[in-house]
C-alpha atoms as a PDB file:
ATOM      1  CA  UNK A   1       0.000   0.000   0.000  1.00  0.00           C
ATOM      2  CA  UNK A   2       1.421   3.332  -0.997  1.00  0.00           C
ATOM      3  CA  UNK A   3       0.630   6.680   0.445  1.00  0.00           C
ATOM      4  CA  UNK A   4       0.981  10.069  -1.209  1.00  0.00           C
ATOM      5  CA  UNK A   5       2.844  12.691   0.730  1.00  0.00           C
ATOM      6  CA  UNK A   6       1.418  16.156   0.610  1.00  0.00           C
ATOM      7  CA  UNK A   7       3.599  19.274   1.019  1.00  0.00           C
ATOM      8  CA  UNK A   8       2.307  21.876   3.360  1.00  0.00           C
ATOM      9  CA  UNK A   9       2.243  25.395   1.844  1.00  0.00           C
ATOM     10  CA  UNK A  10       4.913  27.715   3.184  1.00  0.00           C
ATOM     11  CA  UNK A  11       3.723  29.989   5.951  1.00  0.00           C
ATOM     12  CA  UNK A  12       2.632  33.412   4.769  1.00  0.00           C
ATOM     13  CA  UNK A  13       5.477  35.172   6.597  1.00  0.00           C
ATOM     14  CA  UNK A  14       8.061  33.044   4.773  1.00  0.00           C
ATOM     15  CA  UNK A  15       6.604  34.001   1.395  1.00  0.00           C
ATOM     16  CA  UNK A  16       6.645  37.663   2.338  1.00  0.00           C
ATOM     17  CA  UNK A  17      10.232  37.342   3.548  1.00  0.00           C
ATOM     18  CA  UNK A  18      11.336  35.772   0.265  1.00  0.00           C
ATOM     19  CA  UNK A  19       9.622  38.532  -1.705  1.00  0.00           C
ATOM     20  CA  UNK A  20      11.285  41.161   0.460  1.00  0.00           C
ATOM     21  CA  UNK A  21      14.732  39.607  -0.006  1.00  0.00           C
ATOM     22  CA  UNK A  22      14.205  39.491  -3.774  1.00  0.00           C
ATOM     23  CA  UNK A  23      13.119  43.120  -3.850  1.00  0.00           C
ATOM     24  CA  UNK A  24      16.098  44.266  -1.791  1.00  0.00           C
ATOM     25  CA  UNK A  25      18.469  42.284  -4.013  1.00  0.00           C
ATOM     26  CA  UNK A  26      17.040  43.903  -7.131  1.00  0.00           C
ATOM     27  CA  UNK A  27      17.305  47.348  -5.581  1.00  0.00           C
ATOM     28  CA  UNK A  28      20.877  46.637  -4.538  1.00  0.00           C
ATOM     29  CA  UNK A  29      21.872  45.634  -8.055  1.00  0.00           C
ATOM     30  CA  UNK A  30      20.138  48.677  -9.534  1.00  0.00           C
ATOM     31  CA  UNK A  31      21.803  51.000  -7.031  1.00  0.00           C
ATOM     32  CA  UNK A  32      25.206  49.451  -7.730  1.00  0.00           C
ATOM     33  CA  UNK A  33      24.805  50.084 -11.447  1.00  0.00           C
ATOM     34  CA  UNK A  34      23.542  53.608 -10.833  1.00  0.00           C
ATOM     35  CA  UNK A  35      26.342  54.632  -8.482  1.00  0.00           C
ATOM     36  CA  UNK A  36      29.071  52.721 -10.296  1.00  0.00           C
ATOM     37  CA  UNK A  37      28.452  53.149 -13.998  1.00  0.00           C
ATOM     38  CA  UNK A  38      25.847  55.870 -13.625  1.00  0.00           C
ATOM     39  CA  UNK A  39      23.050  56.590 -16.051  1.00  0.00           C
ATOM     40  CA  UNK A  40      23.845  57.593 -19.647  1.00  0.00           C
ATOM     41  CA  UNK A  41      23.608  61.298 -20.509  1.00  0.00           C
ATOM     42  CA  UNK A  42      24.372  63.506 -23.526  1.00  0.00           C
ATOM     43  CA  UNK A  43      28.137  64.021 -23.462  1.00  0.00           C
ATOM     44  CA  UNK A  44      28.188  66.801 -26.044  1.00  0.00           C
ATOM     45  CA  UNK A  45      25.641  68.740 -24.015  1.00  0.00           C
ATOM     46  CA  UNK A  46      27.812  68.487 -20.902  1.00  0.00           C
ATOM     47  CA  UNK A  47      30.913  69.623 -22.780  1.00  0.00           C
ATOM     48  CA  UNK A  48      29.096  72.653 -24.228  1.00  0.00           C
ATOM     49  CA  UNK A  49      28.690  74.006 -20.707  1.00  0.00           C
ATOM     50  CA  UNK A  50      32.426  74.713 -20.621  1.00  0.00           C
ATOM     51  CA  UNK A  51      33.861  74.508 -24.134  1.00  0.00           C
ATOM     52  CA  UNK A  52      33.027  76.411 -27.298  1.00  0.00           C
ATOM     53  CA  UNK A  53      34.794  74.375 -29.986  1.00  0.00           C
ATOM     54  CA  UNK A  54      32.710  73.751 -33.105  1.00  0.00           C
ATOM     55  CA  UNK A  55      34.111  70.215 -33.230  1.00  0.00           C
ATOM     56  CA  UNK A  56      36.205  68.443 -30.615  1.00  0.00           C
ATOM     57  CA  UNK A  57      39.956  68.728 -31.287  1.00  0.00           C
ATOM     58  CA  UNK A  58      42.582  66.082 -32.032  1.00  0.00           C
ATOM     59  CA  UNK A  59      40.045  63.833 -33.803  1.00  0.00           C
ATOM     60  CA  UNK A  60      38.351  63.179 -30.467  1.00  0.00           C
ATOM     61  CA  UNK A  61      34.811  61.828 -30.301  1.00  0.00           C
ATOM     62  CA  UNK A  62      32.507  61.322 -27.313  1.00  0.00           C
ATOM     63  CA  UNK A  63      32.747  57.642 -26.399  1.00  0.00           C
ATOM     64  CA  UNK A  64      30.530  57.634 -23.301  1.00  0.00           C
ATOM     65  CA  UNK A  65      28.944  59.953 -20.747  1.00  0.00           C
ATOM     66  CA  UNK A  66      27.295  59.179 -17.419  1.00  0.00           C
ATOM     67  CA  UNK A  67      25.817  60.878 -14.389  1.00  0.00           C
ATOM     68  CA  UNK A  68      26.846  59.131 -11.208  1.00  0.00           C
ATOM     69  CA  UNK A  69      24.682  58.457  -8.202  1.00  0.00           C
ATOM     70  CA  UNK A  70      26.323  61.234  -6.176  1.00  0.00           C
ATOM     71  CA  UNK A  71      25.673  63.772  -8.944  1.00  0.00           C
ATOM     72  CA  UNK A  72      29.071  63.921 -10.680  1.00  0.00           C
ATOM     73  CA  UNK A  73      29.047  63.808 -14.475  1.00  0.00           C
ATOM     74  CA  UNK A  74      31.806  62.183 -16.526  1.00  0.00           C
ATOM     75  CA  UNK A  75      32.416  62.343 -20.268  1.00  0.00           C
ATOM     76  CA  UNK A  76      35.014  60.197 -22.005  1.00  0.00           C
ATOM     77  CA  UNK A  77      36.345  61.108 -25.430  1.00  0.00           C
ATOM     78  CA  UNK A  78      38.561  58.911 -27.572  1.00  0.00           C
ATOM     79  CA  UNK A  79      40.452  59.502 -30.797  1.00  0.00           C
ATOM     80  CA  UNK A  80      38.564  58.268 -33.845  1.00  0.00           C
ATOM     81  CA  UNK A  81      39.709  55.017 -35.428  1.00  0.00           C
ATOM     82  CA  UNK A  82      40.610  56.685 -38.731  1.00  0.00           C
ATOM     83  CA  UNK A  83      42.756  59.399 -37.143  1.00  0.00           C
ATOM     84  CA  UNK A  84      46.240  59.873 -38.571  1.00  0.00           C
ATOM     85  CA  UNK A  85      47.556  61.968 -35.681  1.00  0.00           C
ATOM     86  CA  UNK A  86      50.823  60.862 -34.126  1.00  0.00           C
ATOM     87  CA  UNK A  87      51.414  59.534 -30.617  1.00  0.00           C
ATOM     88  CA  UNK A  88      52.673  62.862 -29.255  1.00  0.00           C
ATOM     89  CA  UNK A  89      49.089  64.017 -28.659  1.00  0.00           C
ATOM     90  CA  UNK A  90      46.464  62.756 -26.191  1.00  0.00           C
ATOM     91  CA  UNK A  91      44.360  59.926 -27.584  1.00  0.00           C
ATOM     92  CA  UNK A  92      41.767  59.882 -24.778  1.00  0.00           C
ATOM     93  CA  UNK A  93      40.254  62.564 -22.567  1.00  0.00           C
ATOM     94  CA  UNK A  94      38.065  62.413 -19.472  1.00  0.00           C
ATOM     95  CA  UNK A  95      36.050  65.463 -18.456  1.00  0.00           C
ATOM     96  CA  UNK A  96      34.854  65.228 -14.851  1.00  0.00           C
ATOM     97  CA  UNK A  97      32.184  67.703 -13.747  1.00  0.00           C
ATOM     98  CA  UNK A  98      31.843  67.543  -9.973  1.00  0.00           C
ATOM     99  CA  UNK A  99      28.611  67.969  -8.052  1.00  0.00           C
ATOM    100  CA  UNK A 100      30.581  69.279  -5.045  1.00  0.00           C
ATOM    101  CA  UNK A 101      32.636  72.412  -5.694  1.00  0.00           C
ATOM    102  CA  UNK A 102      35.302  71.129  -3.306  1.00  0.00           C
ATOM    103  CA  UNK A 103      35.936  68.071  -5.481  1.00  0.00           C
ATOM    104  CA  UNK A 104      38.592  69.444  -7.843  1.00  0.00           C
ATOM    105  CA  UNK A 105      40.749  70.716  -4.970  1.00  0.00           C
ATOM    106  CA  UNK A 106      41.274  67.153  -3.777  1.00  0.00           C
ATOM    107  CA  UNK A 107      42.855  66.294  -7.135  1.00  0.00           C
ATOM    108  CA  UNK A 108      45.517  68.987  -6.748  1.00  0.00           C
ATOM    109  CA  UNK A 109      47.262  68.456  -3.408  1.00  0.00           C
ATOM    110  CA  UNK A 110      49.883  71.081  -2.513  1.00  0.00           C
ATOM    111  CA  UNK A 111      52.702  68.524  -2.457  1.00  0.00           C
ATOM    112  CA  UNK A 112      53.240  65.367  -4.536  1.00  0.00           C
ATOM    113  CA  UNK A 113      53.425  61.975  -2.887  1.00  0.00           C
ATOM    114  CA  UNK A 114      56.891  60.489  -2.598  1.00  0.00           C
ATOM    115  CA  UNK A 115      57.720  58.189  -5.492  1.00  0.00           C
ATOM    116  CA  UNK A 116      58.170  54.507  -4.662  1.00  0.00           C
ATOM    117  CA  UNK A 117      60.873  52.421  -6.327  1.00  0.00           C
ATOM    118  CA  UNK A 118      59.501  49.431  -4.429  1.00  0.00           C
ATOM    119  CA  UNK A 119      56.038  49.825  -5.984  1.00  0.00           C
ATOM    120  CA  UNK A 120      57.543  50.091  -9.460  1.00  0.00           C
ATOM    121  CA  UNK A 121      59.634  46.957  -8.992  1.00  0.00           C
ATOM    122  CA  UNK A 122      56.604  45.084  -7.652  1.00  0.00           C
ATOM    123  CA  UNK A 123      54.571  46.119 -10.715  1.00  0.00           C
ATOM    124  CA  UNK A 124      57.339  44.967 -13.053  1.00  0.00           C
ATOM    125  CA  UNK A 125      57.197  41.558 -11.417  1.00  0.00           C
ATOM    126  CA  UNK A 126      53.405  41.407 -11.324  1.00  0.00           C
ATOM    127  CA  UNK A 127      51.399  43.828 -13.465  1.00  0.00           C
ATOM    128  CA  UNK A 128      48.258  43.042 -11.469  1.00  0.00           C
ATOM    129  CA  UNK A 129      49.696  45.221  -8.708  1.00  0.00           C
ATOM    130  CA  UNK A 130      48.713  48.441 -10.432  1.00  0.00           C
ATOM    131  CA  UNK A 131      49.605  51.848  -9.025  1.00  0.00           C
ATOM    132  CA  UNK A 132      50.163  55.452 -10.049  1.00  0.00           C
ATOM    133  CA  UNK A 133      52.690  58.134  -9.232  1.00  0.00           C
ATOM    134  CA  UNK A 134      53.138  61.811  -9.905  1.00  0.00           C
ATOM    135  CA  UNK A 135      55.889  62.559 -12.428  1.00  0.00           C
ATOM    136  CA  UNK A 136      55.823  66.349 -12.767  1.00  0.00           C
ATOM    137  CA  UNK A 137      53.654  69.394 -12.101  1.00  0.00           C
ATOM    138  CA  UNK A 138      53.740  72.966 -13.369  1.00  0.00           C
ATOM    139  CA  UNK A 139      51.786  75.668 -15.167  1.00  0.00           C
ATOM    140  CA  UNK A 140      50.307  75.331 -18.626  1.00  0.00           C
ATOM    141  CA  UNK A 141      49.241  78.304 -20.755  1.00  0.00           C
ATOM    142  CA  UNK A 142      46.572  78.033 -23.450  1.00  0.00           C
ATOM    143  CA  UNK A 143      45.194  81.043 -25.223  1.00  0.00           C
ATOM    144  CA  UNK A 144      44.779  83.804 -22.619  1.00  0.00           C
ATOM    145  CA  UNK A 145      44.568  81.288 -19.745  1.00  0.00           C
ATOM    146  CA  UNK A 146      46.989  79.625 -17.382  1.00  0.00           C
ATOM    147  CA  UNK A 147      46.410  76.724 -15.004  1.00  0.00           C
ATOM    148  CA  UNK A 148      48.227  74.217 -12.814  1.00  0.00           C
ATOM    149  CA  UNK A 149      48.712  70.762 -14.307  1.00  0.00           C
ATOM    150  CA  UNK A 150      49.785  67.477 -12.745  1.00  0.00           C
ATOM    151  CA  UNK A 151      51.268  64.677 -14.803  1.00  0.00           C
ATOM    152  CA  UNK A 152      50.771  61.189 -13.402  1.00  0.00           C
ATOM    153  CA  UNK A 153      51.943  57.844 -14.671  1.00  0.00           C
ATOM    154  CA  UNK A 154      49.387  55.044 -14.419  1.00  0.00           C
ATOM    155  CA  UNK A 155      50.934  51.572 -14.227  1.00  0.00           C
ATOM    156  CA  UNK A 156      48.194  49.333 -15.587  1.00  0.00           C
ATOM    157  CA  UNK A 157      47.487  45.605 -15.497  1.00  0.00           C
ATOM    158  CA  UNK A 158      48.384  45.391 -19.193  1.00  0.00           C
ATOM    159  CA  UNK A 159      52.040  45.643 -18.221  1.00  0.00           C
ATOM    160  CA  UNK A 160      52.295  49.097 -19.809  1.00  0.00           C
ATOM    161  CA  UNK A 161      52.172  52.551 -18.289  1.00  0.00           C
ATOM    162  CA  UNK A 162      50.101  55.506 -19.471  1.00  0.00           C
ATOM    163  CA  UNK A 163      50.743  59.180 -18.771  1.00  0.00           C
ATOM    164  CA  UNK A 164      47.729  61.217 -17.674  1.00  0.00           C
ATOM    165  CA  UNK A 165      47.842  65.010 -17.331  1.00  0.00           C
ATOM    166  CA  UNK A 166      45.067  66.808 -15.474  1.00  0.00           C
ATOM    167  CA  UNK A 167      44.068  70.464 -15.339  1.00  0.00           C
ATOM    168  CA  UNK A 168      41.567  72.273 -13.139  1.00  0.00           C
ATOM    169  CA  UNK A 169      39.264  74.255 -15.429  1.00  0.00           C
ATOM    170  CA  UNK A 170      36.700  75.114 -12.764  1.00  0.00           C
ATOM    171  CA  UNK A 171      34.695  78.314 -12.838  1.00  0.00           C
ATOM    172  CA  UNK A 172      32.699  79.829  -9.992  1.00  0.00           C
ATOM    173  CA  UNK A 173      29.643  77.896 -11.197  1.00  0.00           C
ATOM    174  CA  UNK A 174      31.169  74.729 -12.635  1.00  0.00           C
ATOM    175  CA  UNK A 175      33.752  72.573 -10.807  1.00  0.00           C
ATOM    176  CA  UNK A 176      35.496  70.654 -13.581  1.00  0.00           C
ATOM    177  CA  UNK A 177      38.757  68.770 -14.147  1.00  0.00           C
ATOM    178  CA  UNK A 178      40.063  67.608 -17.535  1.00  0.00           C
ATOM    179  CA  UNK A 179      42.298  64.521 -17.802  1.00  0.00           C
ATOM    180  CA  UNK A 180      44.361  64.007 -20.963  1.00  0.00           C
ATOM    181  CA  UNK A 181      45.670  60.475 -21.530  1.00  0.00           C
ATOM    182  CA  UNK A 182      48.521  59.802 -23.928  1.00  0.00           C
ATOM    183  CA  UNK A 183      49.102  56.560 -25.836  1.00  0.00           C
ATOM    184  CA  UNK A 184      50.731  53.719 -23.856  1.00  0.00           C
ATOM    185  CA  UNK A 185      54.376  54.341 -22.939  1.00  0.00           C
ATOM    186  CA  UNK A 186      54.436  57.802 -24.543  1.00  0.00           C
ATOM    187  CA  UNK A 187      55.622  60.668 -22.356  1.00  0.00           C
ATOM    188  CA  UNK A 188      52.914  63.229 -21.684  1.00  0.00           C
ATOM    189  CA  UNK A 189      54.017  66.709 -22.736  1.00  0.00           C
ATOM    190  CA  UNK A 190      52.906  70.248 -22.010  1.00  0.00           C
ATOM    191  CA  UNK A 191      52.746  70.844 -25.770  1.00  0.00           C
ATOM    192  CA  UNK A 192      50.313  67.974 -26.244  1.00  0.00           C
ATOM    193  CA  UNK A 193      48.201  69.213 -23.344  1.00  0.00           C
ATOM    194  CA  UNK A 194      48.213  72.750 -24.773  1.00  0.00           C
ATOM    195  CA  UNK A 195      46.993  71.494 -28.137  1.00  0.00           C
ATOM    196  CA  UNK A 196      44.046  69.817 -26.442  1.00  0.00           C
ATOM    197  CA  UNK A 197      43.091  72.763 -24.246  1.00  0.00           C
ATOM    198  CA  UNK A 198      43.406  75.345 -27.021  1.00  0.00           C
ATOM    199  CA  UNK A 199      41.302  73.133 -29.290  1.00  0.00           C
ATOM    200  CA  UNK A 200      38.547  72.770 -26.682  1.00  0.00           C
ATOM    201  CA  UNK A 201      38.230  76.583 -26.495  1.00  0.00           C
ATOM    202  CA  UNK A 202      37.213  76.889 -22.844  1.00  0.00           C
ATOM    203  CA  UNK A 203      35.008  79.794 -21.744  1.00  0.00           C
ATOM    204  CA  UNK A 204      34.752  81.831 -19.583  1.00  0.00           C
ATOM    205  CA  UNK A 205      38.355  82.207 -18.300  1.00  0.00           C
ATOM    206  CA  UNK A 206      39.561  79.312 -16.176  1.00  0.00           C
ATOM    207  CA  UNK A 207      40.244  80.107 -12.546  1.00  0.00           C
END
């Protein structure tokens, strides 16, 4: 003689708990995407708030643009695939518009961090141990403007380094920093940075 076993339905509170956990998980994933990658926005529209160039210089095109969860906006430009420009010029640019006016100041500390031979040797042995260091800093002039720049070297997990030069182009209303990246293992130069900044045609005068 066989008997059929019947499964008792889960208590109501367990069902509600499972639904709540699923909802919180979905919200967590959505919030992670929103704060990490941000939501897509119109990059050209963001750039027009600060720059007056008819077309973006150095064969640069908007690759992506996002607004982050905390309010910052970031636009990435990259040199077009059919560009014939040489390696002496930036081939990628990041424009970071901060929601907090204090943001750009954090990117320009009064003194550089001490360079680490140990970190460099560790990276040469294992490129997964990425790091960055300041190489030089100074003043860059472009058109009627002048601004502090910092040149950093980014040691990436590809086993190659990339020079990135940043400039504070904030105005009283718009806190903004521009990062110019040069091709892998090409020294960043003031001349290359000048070509970018002059081509962007910033307005009004940078502080």
